[in-house]
Amino acid sequence: MAVINVPDGPTISTAEHAVALLLAAVKHLKASDSDLRRGGNPDSYQNFDGLELYQRRLGLVGLGRIGRRVARVALALEMVVVAFDPFVTLEQAAALGVELAPSLDALLAAADVVSLHAPLTAETRHLINARTLARMKPRAYLVNAARGGLVDEAALLAALDSGHLRGAALDVFDPEPPRPDHPLLLRDDVIGTGHVAGATPAGKDRLLEGALRQALQVLRGERPPHLVNPAVWPALEAQFRKDG
């Protein structure tokens, strides 16, 4: 059996959602909305301390399809974009207008906003933990539209409680869905969404079309471009030839 995926399907929608979360976090939209609904505050203008992103440093943990698209938007906002990705070369990063950090710790220490775009593996589980959160720049922000297991939520909560982090924006949790009384959801300095970053109609259509196109390729005996288990293809080709 051939197994395929559609890696580009959710890319655009997920990247846009990550940027939306980033902006919502640094502009304190949840806190401002809550304050207004409670009747407003005459000192809101004086007390507002949202972050202007111009020339601020965005740290991308992962520079794959989604990370690269987020980088393009951030560069359009005239942010300085730094990335940590051991599979990306200095030349590839430079072609994107992105600085490449030599280590995760170096990226965390320099970034005003850190956005996660890494896969969840045994090596990356709780990549963001008490130690790495402590390495982050004081009063920085964390955005996660990748996988909930990348973040140790108890450690994130502690970093917010201590004031070391200024805020967080999360589309993913561990486990999912989070319970309604999850302590991160009860905070005005955390904005959360329910793993919907790639779930736009356009993104879903792209996924369906890509899956159907590749399924038809397999039925015609053509190797699809995104074959997850390539080891099966020689046997499938032999079967196609035998069946005529």
Protein backbone atom coordinates (compact mmCIF):
# COMPACT_ATOMS: atom_id res chain seq x y z
CA MET A 1 0.00 0.00 0.00
CA ALA A 2 1.30 3.44 -0.92
CA VAL A 3 0.97 6.13 1.74
CA ILE A 4 1.03 9.75 0.61
CA ASN A 5 0.77 13.14 2.23
CA VAL A 6 0.16 16.71 1.06
CA PRO A 7 2.79 18.80 2.83
CA ASP A 8 1.90 22.05 1.06
CA GLY A 9 -1.82 21.75 1.81
CA PRO A 10 -1.99 23.66 5.11
CA THR A 11 1.16 25.78 4.62
CA ILE A 12 -0.40 29.11 3.67
CA SER A 13 -3.25 28.99 6.19
CA THR A 14 -0.99 27.83 9.03
CA ALA A 15 1.59 30.53 8.35
CA GLU A 16 -1.11 33.21 8.25
CA HIS A 17 -2.55 31.94 11.52
CA ALA A 18 0.87 31.97 13.17
CA VAL A 19 1.32 35.61 12.15
CA ALA A 20 -2.18 36.42 13.42
CA LEU A 21 -1.33 34.82 16.77
CA LEU A 22 1.95 36.73 16.89
CA LEU A 23 0.21 40.06 16.30
CA ALA A 24 -2.58 39.26 18.77
CA ALA A 25 -0.03 38.40 21.45
CA VAL A 26 2.30 41.38 21.11
CA LYS A 27 -0.58 43.86 20.73
CA HIS A 28 -2.29 42.37 23.82
CA LEU A 29 -5.58 42.01 21.96
CA LYS A 30 -7.10 39.55 24.44
CA ALA A 31 -6.39 41.79 27.44
CA SER A 32 -7.60 44.90 25.60
CA ASP A 33 -10.79 43.19 24.49
CA SER A 34 -11.46 41.89 28.01
CA ASP A 35 -10.84 45.32 29.49
CA LEU A 36 -13.21 46.98 27.04
CA ARG A 37 -15.94 44.43 27.74
CA ARG A 38 -15.60 45.15 31.46
CA GLY A 39 -16.37 48.80 30.82
CA GLY A 40 -13.03 50.12 29.66
CA ASN A 41 -10.34 51.99 31.51
CA PRO A 42 -9.77 55.74 31.19
CA ASP A 43 -6.04 55.10 31.52
CA SER A 44 -5.93 52.50 28.73
CA TYR A 45 -3.95 54.73 26.37
CA GLN A 46 -1.45 55.67 29.04
CA ASN A 47 -1.03 52.12 30.33
CA PHE A 48 -0.99 50.19 27.04
CA ASP A 49 2.41 48.60 26.47
CA GLY A 50 1.95 46.52 23.33
CA LEU A 51 5.06 45.81 21.30
CA GLU A 52 5.85 47.58 18.03
CA LEU A 53 7.39 44.98 15.75
CA TYR A 54 9.48 47.28 13.57
CA GLN A 55 13.12 46.17 13.80
CA ARG A 56 12.28 43.66 16.53
CA ARG A 57 13.77 40.19 16.23
CA LEU A 58 11.60 37.22 15.34
CA GLY A 59 13.16 33.87 16.18
CA LEU A 60 11.90 30.95 14.10
CA VAL A 61 12.53 27.47 15.47
CA GLY A 62 12.33 25.58 12.20
CA LEU A 63 12.64 27.03 8.71
CA GLY A 64 10.59 24.63 6.63
CA ARG A 65 7.61 25.45 4.42
CA ILE A 66 5.59 27.22 7.12
CA GLY A 67 8.54 28.89 8.83
CA ARG A 68 9.73 30.31 5.52
CA ARG A 69 6.34 31.81 4.75
CA VAL A 70 6.14 33.35 8.23
CA ALA A 71 9.61 34.79 7.62
CA ARG A 72 8.43 36.49 4.43
CA VAL A 73 5.54 38.19 6.24
CA ALA A 74 7.75 39.23 9.14
CA LEU A 75 10.30 40.73 6.76
CA ALA A 76 7.48 42.70 5.13
CA LEU A 77 6.75 44.09 8.61
CA GLU A 78 10.43 45.09 8.71
CA MET A 79 11.29 42.71 11.49
CA VAL A 80 14.72 41.11 11.73
CA VAL A 81 14.23 37.36 11.26
CA VAL A 82 16.57 34.82 12.84
CA ALA A 83 16.11 31.07 12.54
CA PHE A 84 17.48 27.91 14.09
CA ASP A 85 17.24 24.85 11.87
CA PRO A 86 20.06 22.29 11.72
CA PHE A 87 18.91 21.20 8.25
CA VAL A 88 19.20 24.66 6.66
CA THR A 89 22.48 26.08 5.37
CA LEU A 90 23.77 29.61 5.80
CA GLU A 91 23.35 30.13 2.06
CA GLN A 92 19.73 28.97 2.08
CA ALA A 93 18.89 31.25 4.99
CA ALA A 94 20.66 34.21 3.42
CA ALA A 95 18.67 33.73 0.21
CA LEU A 96 15.52 34.16 2.30
CA GLY A 97 16.86 37.27 4.05
CA VAL A 98 17.06 35.33 7.31
CA GLU A 99 19.93 35.14 9.78
CA LEU A 100 20.85 31.64 10.91
CA ALA A 101 21.48 31.21 14.63
CA PRO A 102 24.29 28.84 15.61
CA SER A 103 22.20 27.21 18.34
CA LEU A 104 18.73 27.19 19.86
CA ASP A 105 20.04 28.95 22.96
CA ALA A 106 21.52 31.75 20.85
CA LEU A 107 18.23 32.25 19.05
CA LEU A 108 16.19 32.29 22.27
CA ALA A 109 18.46 34.82 23.92
CA ALA A 110 18.18 37.27 21.02
CA ALA A 111 14.52 37.07 19.95
CA ASP A 112 11.72 39.38 21.04
CA VAL A 113 9.22 36.82 19.72
CA VAL A 114 9.88 33.10 19.30
CA SER A 115 7.65 31.15 16.90
CA LEU A 116 7.80 27.35 16.75
CA HIS A 117 7.71 25.53 13.41
CA ALA A 118 9.36 22.21 14.22
CA PRO A 119 7.95 18.67 13.97
CA LEU A 120 7.21 16.73 17.14
CA THR A 121 9.70 13.90 17.59
CA ALA A 122 11.32 12.18 20.53
CA GLU A 123 14.13 14.73 20.27
CA THR A 124 11.89 17.81 20.12
CA ARG A 125 9.31 16.87 22.78
CA HIS A 126 9.37 19.65 25.41
CA LEU A 127 12.00 21.48 23.41
CA ILE A 128 10.62 24.54 25.17
CA ASN A 129 11.04 23.71 28.84
CA ALA A 130 12.14 25.39 32.06
CA ARG A 131 15.76 25.58 30.92
CA THR A 132 15.10 26.90 27.42
CA LEU A 133 12.41 29.31 28.63
CA ALA A 134 14.96 30.74 31.05
CA ARG A 135 17.25 31.33 28.06
CA MET A 136 14.61 33.47 26.35
CA LYS A 137 14.95 37.21 26.37
CA PRO A 138 13.12 38.73 29.36
CA ARG A 139 9.61 39.94 28.46
CA ALA A 140 9.63 38.04 25.17
CA TYR A 141 6.65 36.28 23.59
CA LEU A 142 6.16 32.64 22.54
CA VAL A 143 4.00 31.53 19.59
CA ASN A 144 3.22 27.88 18.87
CA ALA A 145 1.19 26.86 15.83
CA ALA A 146 3.15 23.63 15.33
CA ARG A 147 2.63 20.83 17.89
CA GLY A 148 1.56 21.07 21.52
CA GLY A 149 4.16 18.57 22.70
CA LEU A 150 6.97 20.95 21.79
CA VAL A 151 6.16 22.97 24.92
CA ASP A 152 6.24 21.99 28.57
CA GLU A 153 3.03 23.79 29.55
CA ALA A 154 3.78 23.78 33.29
CA ALA A 155 7.12 25.45 32.61
CA LEU A 156 5.45 27.99 30.30
CA LEU A 157 2.91 28.81 32.98
CA ALA A 158 5.70 29.36 35.51
CA ALA A 159 7.58 31.65 33.09
CA LEU A 160 4.43 33.74 32.62
CA ASP A 161 3.69 33.82 36.35
CA SER A 162 7.20 35.06 37.10
CA GLY A 163 6.95 37.80 34.48
CA HIS A 164 9.92 36.43 32.56
CA LEU A 165 7.68 36.03 29.49
CA ARG A 166 5.28 38.81 28.54
CA GLY A 167 2.79 36.58 26.73
CA ALA A 168 2.09 33.52 24.62
CA ALA A 169 -0.15 32.56 21.71
CA LEU A 170 -0.98 28.90 21.18
CA ASP A 171 -2.95 27.03 18.52
CA VAL A 172 -1.87 23.67 19.91
CA PHE A 173 -1.84 22.05 23.34
CA ASP A 174 -0.83 18.74 24.90
CA PRO A 175 -3.19 16.94 25.18
CA GLU A 176 -5.89 18.26 22.88
CA PRO A 177 -8.37 19.64 23.35
CA PRO A 178 -7.28 21.34 26.56
CA ARG A 179 -9.81 21.26 29.37
CA PRO A 180 -11.88 24.47 29.68
CA ASP A 181 -10.28 25.31 33.03
CA HIS A 182 -6.73 24.89 31.70
CA PRO A 183 -4.71 27.56 33.55
CA LEU A 184 -3.18 28.92 30.36
CA LEU A 185 -6.63 29.62 28.92
CA LEU A 186 -7.65 31.64 31.97
CA ARG A 187 -4.95 34.27 31.46
CA ASP A 188 -5.24 37.56 29.60
CA ASP A 189 -1.59 37.26 28.53
CA VAL A 190 -2.27 33.99 26.66
CA ILE A 191 -4.41 33.74 23.54
CA GLY A 192 -5.42 30.26 22.42
CA THR A 193 -7.14 28.66 19.44
CA GLY A 194 -8.16 25.04 18.96
CA HIS A 195 -5.63 23.62 16.47
CA VAL A 196 -7.35 25.40 13.59
CA ALA A 197 -4.36 27.07 11.93
CA GLY A 198 -4.58 25.01 8.74
CA ALA A 199 -8.33 24.49 8.77
CA THR A 200 -9.47 27.17 6.33
CA PRO A 201 -11.69 26.08 3.43
CA ALA A 202 -8.83 26.87 1.04
CA GLY A 203 -6.43 24.76 3.08
CA LYS A 204 -8.88 21.84 3.25
CA ASP A 205 -9.51 22.01 -0.50
CA ARG A 206 -5.78 21.97 -1.16
CA LEU A 207 -5.36 18.91 1.04
CA LEU A 208 -8.22 17.03 -0.64
CA GLU A 209 -7.15 17.92 -4.16
CA GLY A 210 -3.54 16.97 -3.45
CA ALA A 211 -4.53 13.63 -1.93
CA LEU A 212 -6.87 12.75 -4.81
CA ARG A 213 -4.35 13.77 -7.45
CA GLN A 214 -1.68 11.55 -5.96
CA ALA A 215 -4.09 8.64 -5.42
CA LEU A 216 -4.92 8.77 -9.13
CA GLN A 217 -1.21 8.84 -9.96
CA VAL A 218 -0.71 5.66 -7.93
CA LEU A 219 -3.63 3.96 -9.70
CA ARG A 220 -2.05 4.86 -13.05
CA GLY A 221 1.24 3.34 -11.93
CA GLU A 222 2.93 6.73 -11.59
CA ARG A 223 5.05 7.44 -8.54
CA PRO A 224 3.43 10.32 -6.56
CA PRO A 225 5.65 13.22 -5.47
CA HIS A 226 4.96 12.87 -1.74
CA LEU A 227 5.27 9.15 -1.08
CA VAL A 228 5.71 8.56 2.65
CA ASN A 229 6.82 4.90 2.36
CA PRO A 230 9.06 4.81 -0.74
CA ALA A 231 10.34 1.33 0.12
CA VAL A 232 7.05 -0.16 -1.18
CA TRP A 233 7.29 1.42 -4.61
CA PRO A 234 9.47 -1.20 -6.40
CA ALA A 235 7.00 -3.94 -5.43
CA LEU A 236 4.05 -1.80 -6.53
CA GLU A 237 5.75 -1.04 -9.87
CA ALA A 238 6.33 -4.75 -10.40
CA GLN A 239 2.67 -5.46 -9.68
CA PHE A 240 1.56 -2.71 -12.09
CA ARG A 241 3.72 -4.21 -14.84
CA LYS A 242 2.35 -7.69 -14.15
CA ASP A 243 -1.26 -6.46 -14.25
CA GLY A 244 -0.58 -4.63 -17.47
